[in-house]
Amino acid sequence: MSIECRFCRVTLTDENWAIGNVKQKQYKCKTCDGIVGRQNYLKRKARQLFDYSIKSFSKIKDGYVYAITNPAWEGWVKIGMAVDAEDRCSAYQTSSPFRDYKIETSITVKDRRKAEAEAHKKAKKIARQTMGEWFNMPIEEVKNIIKELK
């Protein structure tokens, strides 16, 4: 019985066999072992770069506090924060077949997390109902809350 490389299907011999996990039948030739090793190295580097980017991005304090609505949920308003409000709204559009999320208002702030928390606190006092960052309340009241943020 001959054993094949699980990637390229070449017949494995003593000369081309790479040490692998024999118990899990992960047999591979030396060529594929090198390729897989480089792929894993690149994946690790990409993950490190992603983690670094997220940490750096999270350190940005300034940005926007915004209010968005969707006619599918009449009376509900989302108060959120982002480095870029337009970009955030575009991300929401992918979950709506009608692409009907609308930024009702947004304001530039120096500390978006702090400003968003303040807006949520004020909205909770007025809203008929809340669901996380979504508030069942008139849009004009949300606009006033956001306009008053510093």
N, C-alpha and C. Protein backbone atom coordinates (compact mmCIF):
# COMPACT_ATOMS: atom_id res chain seq x y z
N MET A 1 0.84 -1.18 0.00
CA MET A 1 0.00 0.00 0.00
C MET A 1 0.89 1.25 0.00
N SER A 2 0.64 2.14 -0.94
CA SER A 2 1.44 3.36 -0.99
C SER A 2 0.68 4.51 -0.34
N ILE A 3 1.46 5.40 0.27
CA ILE A 3 0.87 6.55 0.95
C ILE A 3 1.15 7.78 0.10
N GLU A 4 0.13 8.63 -0.03
CA GLU A 4 0.25 9.84 -0.86
C GLU A 4 0.26 11.09 0.01
N CYS A 5 0.88 12.13 -0.53
CA CYS A 5 0.84 13.44 0.10
C CYS A 5 -0.61 13.93 0.05
N ARG A 6 -1.11 14.41 1.15
CA ARG A 6 -2.52 14.83 1.19
C ARG A 6 -2.78 16.11 0.41
N PHE A 7 -1.74 16.81 -0.01
CA PHE A 7 -1.90 18.05 -0.77
C PHE A 7 -1.73 17.84 -2.27
N CYS A 8 -0.60 17.23 -2.67
CA CYS A 8 -0.32 17.11 -4.12
C CYS A 8 -0.49 15.70 -4.65
N ARG A 9 -0.76 14.74 -3.80
CA ARG A 9 -1.02 13.34 -4.13
C ARG A 9 0.18 12.59 -4.72
N VAL A 10 1.40 13.11 -4.54
CA VAL A 10 2.59 12.38 -4.96
C VAL A 10 2.80 11.20 -4.01
N THR A 11 3.31 10.12 -4.52
CA THR A 11 3.58 8.96 -3.68
C THR A 11 4.76 9.29 -2.77
N LEU A 12 4.59 9.03 -1.50
CA LEU A 12 5.62 9.36 -0.52
C LEU A 12 6.64 8.23 -0.42
N THR A 13 7.91 8.65 -0.37
CA THR A 13 9.03 7.72 -0.20
C THR A 13 9.87 8.21 0.97
N ASP A 14 10.90 7.43 1.32
CA ASP A 14 11.78 7.85 2.41
C ASP A 14 12.48 9.16 2.08
N GLU A 15 12.73 9.44 0.80
CA GLU A 15 13.45 10.64 0.39
C GLU A 15 12.58 11.90 0.43
N ASN A 16 11.30 11.77 0.13
CA ASN A 16 10.46 12.98 0.02
C ASN A 16 9.44 13.13 1.15
N TRP A 17 9.43 12.21 2.10
CA TRP A 17 8.47 12.23 3.19
C TRP A 17 8.86 13.29 4.21
N ALA A 18 7.91 14.15 4.57
CA ALA A 18 8.13 15.14 5.63
C ALA A 18 7.48 14.63 6.90
N ILE A 19 8.13 14.87 8.01
CA ILE A 19 7.57 14.43 9.28
C ILE A 19 6.29 15.22 9.54
N GLY A 20 5.21 14.52 9.78
CA GLY A 20 3.93 15.16 10.04
C GLY A 20 3.20 14.43 11.15
N ASN A 21 1.94 14.74 11.30
CA ASN A 21 1.14 14.11 12.33
C ASN A 21 0.60 12.79 11.79
N VAL A 22 1.32 11.70 12.04
CA VAL A 22 0.97 10.39 11.52
C VAL A 22 -0.33 9.89 12.14
N LYS A 23 -0.54 10.19 13.42
CA LYS A 23 -1.77 9.73 14.09
C LYS A 23 -3.02 10.26 13.40
N GLN A 24 -2.95 11.51 12.91
CA GLN A 24 -4.10 12.11 12.23
C GLN A 24 -4.02 11.93 10.72
N LYS A 25 -3.07 11.12 10.25
CA LYS A 25 -2.87 10.81 8.84
C LYS A 25 -2.65 12.07 8.01
N GLN A 26 -1.88 12.99 8.56
CA GLN A 26 -1.53 14.20 7.83
C GLN A 26 -0.18 13.99 7.16
N TYR A 27 -0.17 13.12 6.17
CA TYR A 27 1.05 12.80 5.45
C TYR A 27 1.28 13.86 4.39
N LYS A 28 2.55 14.30 4.26
CA LYS A 28 2.86 15.28 3.23
C LYS A 28 4.31 15.15 2.79
N CYS A 29 4.54 15.59 1.56
CA CYS A 29 5.90 15.56 1.03
C CYS A 29 6.65 16.80 1.52
N LYS A 30 7.97 16.80 1.34
CA LYS A 30 8.79 17.92 1.82
C LYS A 30 8.43 19.22 1.11
N THR A 31 8.10 19.14 -0.18
CA THR A 31 7.74 20.35 -0.94
C THR A 31 6.48 20.99 -0.35
N CYS A 32 5.44 20.19 -0.14
CA CYS A 32 4.18 20.72 0.40
C CYS A 32 4.36 21.16 1.86
N ASP A 33 5.22 20.46 2.59
CA ASP A 33 5.48 20.85 3.97
C ASP A 33 6.08 22.26 4.02
N GLY A 34 6.96 22.56 3.08
CA GLY A 34 7.55 23.90 3.01
C GLY A 34 6.51 24.95 2.64
N ILE A 35 5.64 24.61 1.70
CA ILE A 35 4.59 25.55 1.27
C ILE A 35 3.63 25.81 2.42
N VAL A 36 3.19 24.76 3.09
CA VAL A 36 2.26 24.90 4.22
C VAL A 36 2.92 25.71 5.34
N GLY A 37 4.21 25.46 5.58
CA GLY A 37 4.92 26.21 6.60
C GLY A 37 4.95 27.71 6.28
N ARG A 38 5.19 28.05 5.01
CA ARG A 38 5.20 29.46 4.60
C ARG A 38 3.80 30.06 4.71
N GLN A 39 2.79 29.28 4.33
CA GLN A 39 1.40 29.78 4.45
C GLN A 39 1.06 30.06 5.90
N ASN A 40 1.43 29.15 6.79
CA ASN A 40 1.15 29.34 8.21
C ASN A 40 1.90 30.55 8.75
N TYR A 41 3.14 30.74 8.30
CA TYR A 41 3.92 31.90 8.70
C TYR A 41 3.21 33.18 8.25
N LEU A 42 2.75 33.21 7.01
CA LEU A 42 2.05 34.39 6.49
C LEU A 42 0.74 34.63 7.23
N LYS A 43 0.03 33.57 7.58
CA LYS A 43 -1.21 33.71 8.35
C LYS A 43 -0.93 34.32 9.72
N ARG A 44 0.14 33.85 10.37
CA ARG A 44 0.51 34.41 11.68
C ARG A 44 0.87 35.88 11.56
N LYS A 45 1.64 36.23 10.54
CA LYS A 45 2.02 37.63 10.33
C LYS A 45 0.80 38.50 10.03
N ALA A 46 -0.12 37.98 9.22
CA ALA A 46 -1.35 38.73 8.90
C ALA A 46 -2.18 38.94 10.16
N ARG A 47 -2.27 37.92 10.99
CA ARG A 47 -3.02 38.03 12.24
C ARG A 47 -2.39 39.07 13.16
N GLN A 48 -1.06 39.08 13.24
CA GLN A 48 -0.35 40.06 14.06
C GLN A 48 -0.60 41.47 13.55
N LEU A 49 -0.55 41.63 12.22
CA LEU A 49 -0.79 42.94 11.62
C LEU A 49 -2.22 43.40 11.88
N PHE A 50 -3.18 42.47 11.76
CA PHE A 50 -4.58 42.78 12.02
C PHE A 50 -4.77 43.21 13.47
N ASP A 51 -4.19 42.44 14.40
CA ASP A 51 -4.30 42.79 15.82
C ASP A 51 -3.71 44.16 16.10
N TYR A 52 -2.55 44.44 15.51
CA TYR A 52 -1.91 45.74 15.69
C TYR A 52 -2.79 46.85 15.13
N SER A 53 -3.38 46.61 13.96
CA SER A 53 -4.24 47.62 13.33
C SER A 53 -5.47 47.90 14.19
N ILE A 54 -6.09 46.85 14.70
CA ILE A 54 -7.28 47.03 15.55
C ILE A 54 -6.92 47.80 16.82
N LYS A 55 -5.79 47.46 17.43
CA LYS A 55 -5.38 48.17 18.64
C LYS A 55 -5.12 49.64 18.34
N SER A 56 -4.45 49.91 17.23
CA SER A 56 -4.17 51.30 16.85
C SER A 56 -5.46 52.05 16.54
N PHE A 57 -6.37 51.39 15.82
CA PHE A 57 -7.64 51.99 15.46
C PHE A 57 -8.46 52.29 16.70
N SER A 58 -8.42 51.38 17.67
CA SER A 58 -9.20 51.57 18.90
C SER A 58 -8.70 52.73 19.74
N LYS A 59 -7.44 53.12 19.55
CA LYS A 59 -6.88 54.23 20.32
C LYS A 59 -7.36 55.59 19.82
N ILE A 60 -7.93 55.62 18.62
CA ILE A 60 -8.42 56.89 18.07
C ILE A 60 -9.63 57.32 18.88
N LYS A 61 -9.55 58.48 19.48
CA LYS A 61 -10.66 58.96 20.33
C LYS A 61 -11.67 59.78 19.54
N ASP A 62 -11.18 60.65 18.67
CA ASP A 62 -12.11 61.53 17.97
C ASP A 62 -12.88 60.75 16.90
N GLY A 63 -14.00 61.30 16.51
CA GLY A 63 -14.84 60.64 15.52
C GLY A 63 -16.22 61.25 15.53
N TYR A 64 -17.20 60.42 15.30
CA TYR A 64 -18.59 60.88 15.19
C TYR A 64 -19.50 60.15 16.16
N VAL A 65 -20.51 60.84 16.60
CA VAL A 65 -21.67 60.22 17.22
C VAL A 65 -22.79 60.49 16.23
N TYR A 66 -23.56 59.46 15.92
CA TYR A 66 -24.55 59.58 14.86
C TYR A 66 -25.87 58.94 15.27
N ALA A 67 -26.91 59.26 14.51
CA ALA A 67 -28.21 58.61 14.67
C ALA A 67 -28.62 58.07 13.31
N ILE A 68 -28.97 56.80 13.25
CA ILE A 68 -29.46 56.23 12.00
C ILE A 68 -30.84 55.62 12.22
N THR A 69 -31.59 55.58 11.13
CA THR A 69 -32.92 54.97 11.16
C THR A 69 -33.07 54.04 9.98
N ASN A 70 -34.09 53.22 10.06
CA ASN A 70 -34.46 52.34 8.95
C ASN A 70 -35.99 52.27 8.96
N PRO A 71 -36.64 52.53 7.83
CA PRO A 71 -38.10 52.53 7.81
C PRO A 71 -38.73 51.19 8.19
N ALA A 72 -37.96 50.13 8.15
CA ALA A 72 -38.50 48.82 8.56
C ALA A 72 -38.81 48.79 10.06
N TRP A 73 -38.14 49.66 10.83
CA TRP A 73 -38.36 49.72 12.27
C TRP A 73 -38.79 51.13 12.64
N GLU A 74 -40.00 51.44 12.28
CA GLU A 74 -40.53 52.80 12.49
C GLU A 74 -40.49 53.18 13.96
N GLY A 75 -39.99 54.38 14.21
CA GLY A 75 -39.92 54.90 15.57
C GLY A 75 -38.64 54.55 16.31
N TRP A 76 -37.83 53.67 15.74
CA TRP A 76 -36.58 53.26 16.38
C TRP A 76 -35.41 54.02 15.77
N VAL A 77 -34.48 54.43 16.63
CA VAL A 77 -33.30 55.17 16.22
C VAL A 77 -32.08 54.54 16.88
N LYS A 78 -31.03 54.36 16.11
CA LYS A 78 -29.78 53.85 16.68
C LYS A 78 -28.85 55.03 16.92
N ILE A 79 -28.35 55.12 18.13
CA ILE A 79 -27.33 56.12 18.45
C ILE A 79 -26.02 55.36 18.57
N GLY A 80 -25.08 55.72 17.71
CA GLY A 80 -23.81 55.01 17.70
C GLY A 80 -22.64 55.95 17.56
N MET A 81 -21.45 55.36 17.53
CA MET A 81 -20.23 56.14 17.36
C MET A 81 -19.34 55.42 16.37
N ALA A 82 -18.51 56.20 15.67
CA ALA A 82 -17.60 55.64 14.69
C ALA A 82 -16.52 56.66 14.37
N VAL A 83 -15.43 56.17 13.82
CA VAL A 83 -14.40 57.07 13.33
C VAL A 83 -14.94 57.77 12.07
N ASP A 84 -15.74 57.04 11.28
CA ASP A 84 -16.33 57.58 10.06
C ASP A 84 -17.80 57.14 10.00
N ALA A 85 -18.72 58.07 10.19
CA ALA A 85 -20.15 57.74 10.25
C ALA A 85 -20.68 57.21 8.91
N GLU A 86 -20.23 57.79 7.81
CA GLU A 86 -20.69 57.33 6.49
C GLU A 86 -20.26 55.89 6.23
N ASP A 87 -19.04 55.58 6.61
CA ASP A 87 -18.53 54.22 6.43
C ASP A 87 -19.32 53.24 7.28
N ARG A 88 -19.64 53.64 8.50
CA ARG A 88 -20.43 52.77 9.38
C ARG A 88 -21.81 52.52 8.79
N CYS A 89 -22.44 53.56 8.26
CA CYS A 89 -23.76 53.40 7.66
C CYS A 89 -23.69 52.46 6.45
N SER A 90 -22.63 52.59 5.67
CA SER A 90 -22.45 51.70 4.52
C SER A 90 -22.36 50.25 4.96
N ALA A 91 -21.72 50.01 6.10
CA ALA A 91 -21.62 48.65 6.63
C ALA A 91 -23.00 48.10 6.99
N TYR A 92 -23.86 48.95 7.53
CA TYR A 92 -25.23 48.53 7.86
C TYR A 92 -26.01 48.18 6.59
N GLN A 93 -25.75 48.88 5.51
CA GLN A 93 -26.51 48.67 4.28
C GLN A 93 -26.40 47.24 3.78
N THR A 94 -25.31 46.56 4.05
CA THR A 94 -25.14 45.20 3.56
C THR A 94 -26.14 44.24 4.19
N SER A 95 -26.70 44.60 5.34
CA SER A 95 -27.68 43.72 5.98
C SER A 95 -29.11 44.07 5.60
N SER A 96 -29.27 45.06 4.73
CA SER A 96 -30.61 45.47 4.31
C SER A 96 -30.74 45.32 2.80
N PRO A 97 -31.68 44.50 2.33
CA PRO A 97 -31.82 44.33 0.87
C PRO A 97 -32.23 45.63 0.17
N PHE A 98 -32.83 46.55 0.91
CA PHE A 98 -33.28 47.80 0.29
C PHE A 98 -32.27 48.93 0.46
N ARG A 99 -31.18 48.68 1.20
CA ARG A 99 -30.14 49.70 1.43
C ARG A 99 -30.78 51.00 1.92
N ASP A 100 -31.64 50.86 2.93
CA ASP A 100 -32.46 52.00 3.35
C ASP A 100 -32.14 52.54 4.74
N TYR A 101 -30.95 52.26 5.26
CA TYR A 101 -30.52 52.92 6.49
C TYR A 101 -30.19 54.37 6.13
N LYS A 102 -30.51 55.26 7.03
CA LYS A 102 -30.29 56.68 6.76
C LYS A 102 -29.66 57.34 7.98
N ILE A 103 -28.58 58.10 7.74
CA ILE A 103 -27.99 58.88 8.83
C ILE A 103 -28.87 60.11 9.01
N GLU A 104 -29.49 60.21 10.15
CA GLU A 104 -30.38 61.34 10.43
C GLU A 104 -29.58 62.56 10.87
N THR A 105 -28.54 62.32 11.67
CA THR A 105 -27.68 63.40 12.13
C THR A 105 -26.37 62.80 12.60
N SER A 106 -25.33 63.60 12.56
CA SER A 106 -24.05 63.18 13.13
C SER A 106 -23.28 64.42 13.55
N ILE A 107 -22.40 64.24 14.50
CA ILE A 107 -21.61 65.35 15.01
C ILE A 107 -20.20 64.85 15.27
N THR A 108 -19.22 65.70 14.98
CA THR A 108 -17.82 65.38 15.25
C THR A 108 -17.53 65.67 16.72
N VAL A 109 -16.87 64.72 17.39
CA VAL A 109 -16.55 64.88 18.81
C VAL A 109 -15.10 64.50 19.05
N LYS A 110 -14.55 64.99 20.15
CA LYS A 110 -13.15 64.69 20.50
C LYS A 110 -13.00 63.32 21.14
N ASP A 111 -14.02 62.86 21.86
CA ASP A 111 -13.98 61.55 22.50
C ASP A 111 -15.31 60.84 22.19
N ARG A 112 -15.30 60.05 21.13
CA ARG A 112 -16.55 59.44 20.65
C ARG A 112 -17.17 58.47 21.65
N ARG A 113 -16.36 57.73 22.39
CA ARG A 113 -16.91 56.78 23.36
C ARG A 113 -17.64 57.51 24.50
N LYS A 114 -16.99 58.54 24.99
CA LYS A 114 -17.58 59.32 26.08
C LYS A 114 -18.86 60.02 25.61
N ALA A 115 -18.82 60.60 24.42
CA ALA A 115 -19.98 61.31 23.89
C ALA A 115 -21.14 60.35 23.61
N GLU A 116 -20.83 59.17 23.09
CA GLU A 116 -21.88 58.19 22.83
C GLU A 116 -22.53 57.74 24.14
N ALA A 117 -21.72 57.50 25.17
CA ALA A 117 -22.25 57.09 26.48
C ALA A 117 -23.18 58.16 27.04
N GLU A 118 -22.77 59.40 26.87
CA GLU A 118 -23.59 60.52 27.34
C GLU A 118 -24.92 60.57 26.58
N ALA A 119 -24.87 60.38 25.27
CA ALA A 119 -26.08 60.38 24.45
C ALA A 119 -27.01 59.24 24.84
N HIS A 120 -26.45 58.06 25.06
CA HIS A 120 -27.25 56.90 25.47
C HIS A 120 -27.94 57.16 26.81
N LYS A 121 -27.20 57.75 27.74
CA LYS A 121 -27.74 58.04 29.07
C LYS A 121 -28.94 58.98 28.97
N LYS A 122 -28.81 60.03 28.16
CA LYS A 122 -29.90 60.98 27.99
C LYS A 122 -31.08 60.35 27.26
N ALA A 123 -30.79 59.54 26.24
CA ALA A 123 -31.87 58.92 25.46
C ALA A 123 -32.66 57.91 26.30
N LYS A 124 -31.99 57.19 27.18
CA LYS A 124 -32.68 56.21 28.03
C LYS A 124 -33.72 56.86 28.92
N LYS A 125 -33.47 58.11 29.31
CA LYS A 125 -34.42 58.82 30.16
C LYS A 125 -35.69 59.20 29.40
N ILE A 126 -35.59 59.38 28.10
CA ILE A 126 -36.70 59.86 27.28
C ILE A 126 -37.41 58.74 26.51
N ALA A 127 -36.66 57.74 26.09
CA ALA A 127 -37.18 56.71 25.19
C ALA A 127 -38.33 55.92 25.81
N ARG A 128 -39.27 55.53 24.95
CA ARG A 128 -40.38 54.67 25.38
C ARG A 128 -39.87 53.26 25.65
N GLN A 129 -38.84 52.87 24.88
CA GLN A 129 -38.29 51.53 25.00
C GLN A 129 -36.85 51.58 24.49
N THR A 130 -35.97 50.73 25.02
CA THR A 130 -34.59 50.67 24.53
C THR A 130 -34.21 49.23 24.25
N MET A 131 -33.30 49.07 23.31
CA MET A 131 -32.78 47.75 22.95
C MET A 131 -31.31 47.95 22.58
N GLY A 132 -30.42 47.90 23.58
CA GLY A 132 -29.01 48.15 23.33
C GLY A 132 -28.79 49.60 22.91
N GLU A 133 -28.33 49.80 21.69
CA GLU A 133 -28.08 51.14 21.16
C GLU A 133 -29.28 51.68 20.38
N TRP A 134 -30.36 50.94 20.36
CA TRP A 134 -31.57 51.36 19.65
C TRP A 134 -32.58 51.91 20.65
N PHE A 135 -33.18 53.03 20.27
CA PHE A 135 -34.11 53.73 21.16
C PHE A 135 -35.41 54.00 20.42
N ASN A 136 -36.53 53.69 21.07
CA ASN A 136 -37.83 53.98 20.49
C ASN A 136 -38.24 55.36 20.99
N MET A 137 -37.99 56.36 20.15
CA MET A 137 -38.27 57.74 20.53
C MET A 137 -38.28 58.61 19.28
N PRO A 138 -38.87 59.79 19.36
CA PRO A 138 -38.91 60.68 18.20
C PRO A 138 -37.50 61.10 17.75
N ILE A 139 -37.31 61.12 16.45
CA ILE A 139 -36.01 61.46 15.89
C ILE A 139 -35.59 62.88 16.25
N GLU A 140 -36.54 63.79 16.38
CA GLU A 140 -36.19 65.17 16.72
C GLU A 140 -35.55 65.26 18.10
N GLU A 141 -36.01 64.43 19.03
CA GLU A 141 -35.41 64.42 20.36
C GLU A 141 -33.98 63.86 20.31
N VAL A 142 -33.78 62.85 19.47
CA VAL A 142 -32.43 62.30 19.31
C VAL A 142 -31.51 63.35 18.70
N LYS A 143 -32.00 64.06 17.70
CA LYS A 143 -31.20 65.11 17.06
C LYS A 143 -30.79 66.17 18.09
N ASN A 144 -31.71 66.53 18.98
CA ASN A 144 -31.39 67.52 20.02
C ASN A 144 -30.32 67.00 20.97
N ILE A 145 -30.44 65.74 21.35
CA ILE A 145 -29.45 65.13 22.25
C ILE A 145 -28.07 65.17 21.61
N ILE A 146 -28.00 64.78 20.37
CA ILE A 146 -26.70 64.72 19.68
C ILE A 146 -26.15 66.13 19.44
N LYS A 147 -27.01 67.07 19.12
CA LYS A 147 -26.57 68.44 18.88
C LYS A 147 -25.94 69.05 20.14
N GLU A 148 -26.43 68.64 21.31
CA GLU A 148 -25.92 69.18 22.58
C GLU A 148 -24.61 68.56 23.03
N LEU A 149 -24.15 67.51 22.37
CA LEU A 149 -22.89 66.85 22.76
C LEU A 149 -21.70 67.77 22.47
N LYS A 150 -20.67 67.62 23.25
CA LYS A 150 -19.47 68.44 23.05
C LYS A 150 -18.36 67.63 22.43
